Amino acid sequence: MDTIREKVVSCLSNVGIEVESDDINLLSYLQDSLVFVSFVVELEEVFQIEFDDTSFVDETFSDMDSICNIINVLLKA
């Protein structure tokens, strides 16, 4: 799971979001639709996954644990 977390942090950094701790409220950083879409595309490319429509709820992208969990589920699918 740490590898997933490190890659997510890297993806956030690539779209201009620097994460200093795991308890960061990512929703406040992802309010800009261009940043959000860029982040999702970055995740899909890095992990070779595709988010389905049901993934796009606030709970999925609210914090690091939620994002890492959904990626882990998609990787196992």
PDB file of N, CA and C in Angstrom:
ATOM      1  N   MET A   1       0.822  -1.200   0.000  1.00  0.00           N
ATOM      2  CA  MET A   1       0.000   0.000   0.000  1.00  0.00           C
ATOM      3  C   MET A   1       0.859   1.254   0.000  1.00  0.00           C
ATOM      4  N   ASP A   2       2.063   1.174   0.580  1.00  0.00           N
ATOM      5  CA  ASP A   2       2.934   2.347   0.588  1.00  0.00           C
ATOM      6  C   ASP A   2       3.315   2.769  -0.821  1.00  0.00           C
ATOM      7  N   THR A   3       3.513   1.806  -1.711  1.00  0.00           N
ATOM      8  CA  THR A   3       3.852   2.134  -3.084  1.00  0.00           C
ATOM      9  C   THR A   3       2.713   2.908  -3.734  1.00  0.00           C
ATOM     10  N   ILE A   4       1.486   2.492  -3.503  1.00  0.00           N
ATOM     11  CA  ILE A   4       0.326   3.210  -4.023  1.00  0.00           C
ATOM     12  C   ILE A   4       0.321   4.622  -3.468  1.00  0.00           C
ATOM     13  N   ARG A   5       0.510   4.756  -2.174  1.00  0.00           N
ATOM     14  CA  ARG A   5       0.504   6.072  -1.527  1.00  0.00           C
ATOM     15  C   ARG A   5       1.592   6.977  -2.121  1.00  0.00           C
ATOM     16  N   GLU A   6       2.771   6.441  -2.310  1.00  0.00           N
ATOM     17  CA  GLU A   6       3.865   7.240  -2.871  1.00  0.00           C
ATOM     18  C   GLU A   6       3.539   7.705  -4.284  1.00  0.00           C
ATOM     19  N   LYS A   7       2.925   6.829  -5.070  1.00  0.00           N
ATOM     20  CA  LYS A   7       2.547   7.204  -6.435  1.00  0.00           C
ATOM     21  C   LYS A   7       1.433   8.245  -6.435  1.00  0.00           C
ATOM     22  N   VAL A   8       0.492   8.126  -5.505  1.00  0.00           N
ATOM     23  CA  VAL A   8      -0.581   9.118  -5.404  1.00  0.00           C
ATOM     24  C   VAL A   8       0.007  10.485  -5.037  1.00  0.00           C
ATOM     25  N   VAL A   9       0.930  10.506  -4.102  1.00  0.00           N
ATOM     26  CA  VAL A   9       1.588  11.763  -3.716  1.00  0.00           C
ATOM     27  C   VAL A   9       2.305  12.363  -4.921  1.00  0.00           C
ATOM     28  N   SER A  10       2.951  11.523  -5.705  1.00  0.00           N
ATOM     29  CA  SER A  10       3.632  11.986  -6.906  1.00  0.00           C
ATOM     30  C   SER A  10       2.639  12.559  -7.921  1.00  0.00           C
ATOM     31  N   CYS A  11       1.506  11.896  -8.083  1.00  0.00           N
ATOM     32  CA  CYS A  11       0.468  12.393  -8.993  1.00  0.00           C
ATOM     33  C   CYS A  11      -0.066  13.738  -8.531  1.00  0.00           C
ATOM     34  N   LEU A  12      -0.278  13.874  -7.226  1.00  0.00           N
ATOM     35  CA  LEU A  12      -0.727  15.156  -6.683  1.00  0.00           C
ATOM     36  C   LEU A  12       0.307  16.239  -6.953  1.00  0.00           C
ATOM     37  N   SER A  13       1.557  15.914  -6.749  1.00  0.00           N
ATOM     38  CA  SER A  13       2.636  16.864  -6.996  1.00  0.00           C
ATOM     39  C   SER A  13       2.669  17.289  -8.459  1.00  0.00           C
ATOM     40  N   ASN A  14       2.417  16.352  -9.355  1.00  0.00           N
ATOM     41  CA  ASN A  14       2.426  16.647 -10.788  1.00  0.00           C
ATOM     42  C   ASN A  14       1.332  17.615 -11.209  1.00  0.00           C
ATOM     43  N   VAL A  15       0.262  17.707 -10.408  1.00  0.00           N
ATOM     44  CA  VAL A  15      -0.808  18.666 -10.718  1.00  0.00           C
ATOM     45  C   VAL A  15      -0.747  19.889  -9.802  1.00  0.00           C
ATOM     46  N   GLY A  16       0.363  20.019  -9.070  1.00  0.00           N
ATOM     47  CA  GLY A  16       0.584  21.227  -8.277  1.00  0.00           C
ATOM     48  C   GLY A  16       0.135  21.175  -6.837  1.00  0.00           C
ATOM     49  N   ILE A  17      -0.147  19.991  -6.311  1.00  0.00           N
ATOM     50  CA  ILE A  17      -0.588  19.854  -4.923  1.00  0.00           C
ATOM     51  C   ILE A  17       0.516  19.156  -4.141  1.00  0.00           C
ATOM     52  N   GLU A  18       1.087  19.854  -3.194  1.00  0.00           N
ATOM     53  CA  GLU A  18       2.140  19.279  -2.357  1.00  0.00           C
ATOM     54  C   GLU A  18       1.524  18.778  -1.061  1.00  0.00           C
ATOM     55  N   VAL A  19       1.701  17.499  -0.782  1.00  0.00           N
ATOM     56  CA  VAL A  19       1.124  16.859   0.398  1.00  0.00           C
ATOM     57  C   VAL A  19       2.188  16.781   1.482  1.00  0.00           C
ATOM     58  N   GLU A  20       1.869  17.359   2.627  1.00  0.00           N
ATOM     59  CA  GLU A  20       2.814  17.349   3.737  1.00  0.00           C
ATOM     60  C   GLU A  20       2.458  16.323   4.803  1.00  0.00           C
ATOM     61  N   SER A  21       1.200  15.880   4.829  1.00  0.00           N
ATOM     62  CA  SER A  21       0.789  14.878   5.807  1.00  0.00           C
ATOM     63  C   SER A  21      -0.360  14.057   5.239  1.00  0.00           C
ATOM     64  N   ASP A  22      -0.600  12.887   5.814  1.00  0.00           N
ATOM     65  CA  ASP A  22      -1.659  11.999   5.336  1.00  0.00           C
ATOM     66  C   ASP A  22      -3.056  12.470   5.716  1.00  0.00           C
ATOM     67  N   ASP A  23      -3.160  13.352   6.678  1.00  0.00           N
ATOM     68  CA  ASP A  23      -4.491  13.785   7.110  1.00  0.00           C
ATOM     69  C   ASP A  23      -4.980  15.022   6.351  1.00  0.00           C
ATOM     70  N   ILE A  24      -4.394  15.291   5.199  1.00  0.00           N
ATOM     71  CA  ILE A  24      -4.773  16.432   4.386  1.00  0.00           C
ATOM     72  C   ILE A  24      -6.192  16.243   3.836  1.00  0.00           C
ATOM     73  N   ASN A  25      -6.972  17.320   3.823  1.00  0.00           N
ATOM     74  CA  ASN A  25      -8.305  17.307   3.233  1.00  0.00           C
ATOM     75  C   ASN A  25      -8.150  17.610   1.745  1.00  0.00           C
ATOM     76  N   LEU A  26      -8.122  16.571   0.944  1.00  0.00           N
ATOM     77  CA  LEU A  26      -7.857  16.750  -0.479  1.00  0.00           C
ATOM     78  C   LEU A  26      -8.987  17.439  -1.224  1.00  0.00           C
ATOM     79  N   LEU A  27     -10.196  17.351  -0.712  1.00  0.00           N
ATOM     80  CA  LEU A  27     -11.322  17.980  -1.405  1.00  0.00           C
ATOM     81  C   LEU A  27     -11.121  19.479  -1.576  1.00  0.00           C
ATOM     82  N   SER A  28     -10.506  20.111  -0.605  1.00  0.00           N
ATOM     83  CA  SER A  28     -10.281  21.552  -0.719  1.00  0.00           C
ATOM     84  C   SER A  28      -9.296  21.878  -1.837  1.00  0.00           C
ATOM     85  N   TYR A  29      -8.382  20.952  -2.131  1.00  0.00           N
ATOM     86  CA  TYR A  29      -7.414  21.166  -3.205  1.00  0.00           C
ATOM     87  C   TYR A  29      -7.964  20.766  -4.570  1.00  0.00           C
ATOM     88  N   LEU A  30      -8.963  19.908  -4.581  1.00  0.00           N
ATOM     89  CA  LEU A  30      -9.489  19.382  -5.839  1.00  0.00           C
ATOM     90  C   LEU A  30     -10.786  20.066  -6.274  1.00  0.00           C
ATOM     91  N   GLN A  31     -11.080  21.222  -5.706  1.00  0.00           N
ATOM     92  CA  GLN A  31     -12.292  21.955  -6.073  1.00  0.00           C
ATOM     93  C   GLN A  31     -12.231  22.496  -7.497  1.00  0.00           C
ATOM     94  N   ASP A  32     -11.048  22.855  -7.944  1.00  0.00           N
ATOM     95  CA  ASP A  32     -10.866  23.341  -9.311  1.00  0.00           C
ATOM     96  C   ASP A  32     -11.028  22.158 -10.258  1.00  0.00           C
ATOM     97  N   SER A  33     -11.988  22.246 -11.182  1.00  0.00           N
ATOM     98  CA  SER A  33     -12.284  21.102 -12.045  1.00  0.00           C
ATOM     99  C   SER A  33     -11.111  20.717 -12.934  1.00  0.00           C
ATOM    100  N   LEU A  34     -10.318  21.667 -13.373  1.00  0.00           N
ATOM    101  CA  LEU A  34      -9.161  21.349 -14.206  1.00  0.00           C
ATOM    102  C   LEU A  34      -8.113  20.569 -13.411  1.00  0.00           C
ATOM    103  N   VAL A  35      -7.884  20.966 -12.170  1.00  0.00           N
ATOM    104  CA  VAL A  35      -6.949  20.253 -11.303  1.00  0.00           C
ATOM    105  C   VAL A  35      -7.476  18.842 -11.023  1.00  0.00           C
ATOM    106  N   PHE A  36      -8.764  18.734 -10.744  1.00  0.00           N
ATOM    107  CA  PHE A  36      -9.356  17.430 -10.446  1.00  0.00           C
ATOM    108  C   PHE A  36      -9.228  16.482 -11.633  1.00  0.00           C
ATOM    109  N   VAL A  37      -9.606  16.957 -12.814  1.00  0.00           N
ATOM    110  CA  VAL A  37      -9.529  16.119 -14.012  1.00  0.00           C
ATOM    111  C   VAL A  37      -8.075  15.750 -14.310  1.00  0.00           C
ATOM    112  N   SER A  38      -7.171  16.683 -14.163  1.00  0.00           N
ATOM    113  CA  SER A  38      -5.750  16.403 -14.379  1.00  0.00           C
ATOM    114  C   SER A  38      -5.253  15.335 -13.410  1.00  0.00           C
ATOM    115  N   PHE A  39      -5.684  15.417 -12.168  1.00  0.00           N
ATOM    116  CA  PHE A  39      -5.300  14.435 -11.154  1.00  0.00           C
ATOM    117  C   PHE A  39      -5.842  13.051 -11.496  1.00  0.00           C
ATOM    118  N   VAL A  40      -7.107  12.975 -11.892  1.00  0.00           N
ATOM    119  CA  VAL A  40      -7.714  11.695 -12.240  1.00  0.00           C
ATOM    120  C   VAL A  40      -6.998  11.078 -13.441  1.00  0.00           C
ATOM    121  N   VAL A  41      -6.722  11.879 -14.454  1.00  0.00           N
ATOM    122  CA  VAL A  41      -6.014  11.377 -15.638  1.00  0.00           C
ATOM    123  C   VAL A  41      -4.622  10.884 -15.248  1.00  0.00           C
ATOM    124  N   GLU A  42      -3.959  11.635 -14.397  1.00  0.00           N
ATOM    125  CA  GLU A  42      -2.633  11.251 -13.914  1.00  0.00           C
ATOM    126  C   GLU A  42      -2.692   9.898 -13.195  1.00  0.00           C
ATOM    127  N   LEU A  43      -3.671   9.728 -12.319  1.00  0.00           N
ATOM    128  CA  LEU A  43      -3.833   8.458 -11.609  1.00  0.00           C
ATOM    129  C   LEU A  43      -4.095   7.308 -12.575  1.00  0.00           C
ATOM    130  N   GLU A  44      -4.984   7.546 -13.533  1.00  0.00           N
ATOM    131  CA  GLU A  44      -5.315   6.492 -14.488  1.00  0.00           C
ATOM    132  C   GLU A  44      -4.109   6.079 -15.315  1.00  0.00           C
ATOM    133  N   GLU A  45      -3.294   7.033 -15.692  1.00  0.00           N
ATOM    134  CA  GLU A  45      -2.110   6.719 -16.487  1.00  0.00           C
ATOM    135  C   GLU A  45      -1.042   6.001 -15.653  1.00  0.00           C
ATOM    136  N   VAL A  46      -0.792   6.492 -14.460  1.00  0.00           N
ATOM    137  CA  VAL A  46       0.244   5.904 -13.608  1.00  0.00           C
ATOM    138  C   VAL A  46      -0.117   4.482 -13.191  1.00  0.00           C
ATOM    139  N   PHE A  47      -1.361   4.271 -12.809  1.00  0.00           N
ATOM    140  CA  PHE A  47      -1.771   2.958 -12.307  1.00  0.00           C
ATOM    141  C   PHE A  47      -2.385   2.058 -13.379  1.00  0.00           C
ATOM    142  N   GLN A  48      -2.560   2.586 -14.592  1.00  0.00           N
ATOM    143  CA  GLN A  48      -3.183   1.817 -15.669  1.00  0.00           C
ATOM    144  C   GLN A  48      -4.549   1.282 -15.239  1.00  0.00           C
ATOM    145  N   ILE A  49      -5.372   2.211 -14.707  1.00  0.00           N
ATOM    146  CA  ILE A  49      -6.719   1.878 -14.258  1.00  0.00           C
ATOM    147  C   ILE A  49      -7.686   2.842 -14.916  1.00  0.00           C
ATOM    148  N   GLU A  50      -8.964   2.584 -14.741  1.00  0.00           N
ATOM    149  CA  GLU A  50      -9.984   3.505 -15.220  1.00  0.00           C
ATOM    150  C   GLU A  50     -11.070   3.617 -14.155  1.00  0.00           C
ATOM    151  N   PHE A  51     -11.307   4.835 -13.702  1.00  0.00           N
ATOM    152  CA  PHE A  51     -12.363   5.070 -12.726  1.00  0.00           C
ATOM    153  C   PHE A  51     -13.701   4.999 -13.436  1.00  0.00           C
ATOM    154  N   ASP A  52     -14.677   4.330 -12.818  1.00  0.00           N
ATOM    155  CA  ASP A  52     -16.014   4.337 -13.389  1.00  0.00           C
ATOM    156  C   ASP A  52     -16.818   5.466 -12.753  1.00  0.00           C
ATOM    157  N   ASP A  53     -17.988   5.709 -13.278  1.00  0.00           N
ATOM    158  CA  ASP A  53     -18.807   6.833 -12.823  1.00  0.00           C
ATOM    159  C   ASP A  53     -19.121   6.776 -11.333  1.00  0.00           C
ATOM    160  N   THR A  54     -19.216   5.583 -10.773  1.00  0.00           N
ATOM    161  CA  THR A  54     -19.554   5.466  -9.350  1.00  0.00           C
ATOM    162  C   THR A  54     -18.399   5.893  -8.443  1.00  0.00           C
ATOM    163  N   SER A  55     -17.212   6.006  -9.001  1.00  0.00           N
ATOM    164  CA  SER A  55     -16.046   6.417  -8.211  1.00  0.00           C
ATOM    165  C   SER A  55     -16.025   7.914  -7.929  1.00  0.00           C
ATOM    166  N   PHE A  56     -16.763   8.671  -8.721  1.00  0.00           N
ATOM    167  CA  PHE A  56     -16.684  10.120  -8.611  1.00  0.00           C
ATOM    168  C   PHE A  56     -17.651  10.685  -7.574  1.00  0.00           C
ATOM    169  N   VAL A  57     -17.357  10.357  -6.328  1.00  0.00           N
ATOM    170  CA  VAL A  57     -18.077  10.907  -5.189  1.00  0.00           C
ATOM    171  C   VAL A  57     -17.045  11.507  -4.250  1.00  0.00           C
ATOM    172  N   ASP A  58     -17.464  12.444  -3.445  1.00  0.00           N
ATOM    173  CA  ASP A  58     -16.528  13.135  -2.554  1.00  0.00           C
ATOM    174  C   ASP A  58     -15.752  12.181  -1.658  1.00  0.00           C
ATOM    175  N   GLU A  59     -16.409  11.114  -1.196  1.00  0.00           N
ATOM    176  CA  GLU A  59     -15.745  10.198  -0.274  1.00  0.00           C
ATOM    177  C   GLU A  59     -14.521   9.532  -0.907  1.00  0.00           C
ATOM    178  N   THR A  60     -14.559   9.286  -2.203  1.00  0.00           N
ATOM    179  CA  THR A  60     -13.447   8.619  -2.885  1.00  0.00           C
ATOM    180  C   THR A  60     -12.196   9.472  -2.891  1.00  0.00           C
ATOM    181  N   PHE A  61     -12.355  10.769  -3.048  1.00  0.00           N
ATOM    182  CA  PHE A  61     -11.212  11.666  -3.197  1.00  0.00           C
ATOM    183  C   PHE A  61     -11.023  12.595  -1.997  1.00  0.00           C
ATOM    184  N   SER A  62     -11.599  12.225  -0.864  1.00  0.00           N
ATOM    185  CA  SER A  62     -11.544  13.111   0.297  1.00  0.00           C
ATOM    186  C   SER A  62     -10.204  13.098   1.015  1.00  0.00           C
ATOM    187  N   ASP A  63      -9.534  11.942   1.038  1.00  0.00           N
ATOM    188  CA  ASP A  63      -8.254  11.850   1.747  1.00  0.00           C
ATOM    189  C   ASP A  63      -7.384  10.762   1.118  1.00  0.00           C
ATOM    190  N   MET A  64      -6.171  10.674   1.574  1.00  0.00           N
ATOM    191  CA  MET A  64      -5.208   9.728   1.013  1.00  0.00           C
ATOM    192  C   MET A  64      -5.672   8.283   1.157  1.00  0.00           C
ATOM    193  N   ASP A  65      -6.200   7.928   2.317  1.00  0.00           N
ATOM    194  CA  ASP A  65      -6.646   6.544   2.532  1.00  0.00           C
ATOM    195  C   ASP A  65      -7.742   6.155   1.547  1.00  0.00           C
ATOM    196  N   SER A  66      -8.688   7.050   1.326  1.00  0.00           N
ATOM    197  CA  SER A  66      -9.795   6.755   0.410  1.00  0.00           C
ATOM    198  C   SER A  66      -9.296   6.559  -1.015  1.00  0.00           C
ATOM    199  N   ILE A  67      -8.407   7.423  -1.443  1.00  0.00           N
ATOM    200  CA  ILE A  67      -7.867   7.302  -2.801  1.00  0.00           C
ATOM    201  C   ILE A  67      -7.064   6.013  -2.935  1.00  0.00           C
ATOM    202  N   CYS A  68      -6.223   5.730  -1.965  1.00  0.00           N
ATOM    203  CA  CYS A  68      -5.414   4.507  -2.017  1.00  0.00           C
ATOM    204  C   CYS A  68      -6.288   3.263  -2.001  1.00  0.00           C
ATOM    205  N   ASN A  69      -7.359   3.288  -1.241  1.00  0.00           N
ATOM    206  CA  ASN A  69      -8.266   2.143  -1.170  1.00  0.00           C
ATOM    207  C   ASN A  69      -8.955   1.877  -2.498  1.00  0.00           C
ATOM    208  N   ILE A  70      -9.471   2.919  -3.147  1.00  0.00           N
ATOM    209  CA  ILE A  70     -10.157   2.717  -4.426  1.00  0.00           C
ATOM    210  C   ILE A  70      -9.179   2.260  -5.483  1.00  0.00           C
ATOM    211  N   ILE A  71      -7.966   2.779  -5.467  1.00  0.00           N
ATOM    212  CA  ILE A  71      -6.961   2.336  -6.435  1.00  0.00           C
ATOM    213  C   ILE A  71      -6.629   0.873  -6.209  1.00  0.00           C
ATOM    214  N   ASN A  72      -6.484   0.498  -4.953  1.00  0.00           N
ATOM    215  CA  ASN A  72      -6.202  -0.907  -4.616  1.00  0.00           C
ATOM    216  C   ASN A  72      -7.322  -1.815  -5.126  1.00  0.00           C
ATOM    217  N   VAL A  73      -8.553  -1.410  -4.959  1.00  0.00           N
ATOM    218  CA  VAL A  73      -9.686  -2.194  -5.450  1.00  0.00           C
ATOM    219  C   VAL A  73      -9.649  -2.299  -6.973  1.00  0.00           C
ATOM    220  N   LEU A  74      -9.388  -1.185  -7.641  1.00  0.00           N
ATOM    221  CA  LEU A  74      -9.357  -1.194  -9.109  1.00  0.00           C
ATOM    222  C   LEU A  74      -8.195  -2.012  -9.655  1.00  0.00           C
ATOM    223  N   LEU A  75      -7.093  -2.023  -8.953  1.00  0.00           N
ATOM    224  CA  LEU A  75      -5.946  -2.821  -9.386  1.00  0.00           C
ATOM    225  C   LEU A  75      -6.225  -4.324  -9.289  1.00  0.00           C
ATOM    226  N   LYS A  76      -7.058  -4.694  -8.337  1.00  0.00           N
ATOM    227  CA  LYS A  76      -7.387  -6.117  -8.155  1.00  0.00           C
ATOM    228  C   LYS A  76      -8.514  -6.579  -9.074  1.00  0.00           C
ATOM    229  N   ALA A  77      -9.224  -5.632  -9.673  1.00  0.00           N
ATOM    230  CA  ALA A  77     -10.370  -5.981 -10.529  1.00  0.00           C
ATOM    231  C   ALA A  77      -9.927  -6.591 -11.843  1.00  0.00           C
TER     232      ALA A  77
END
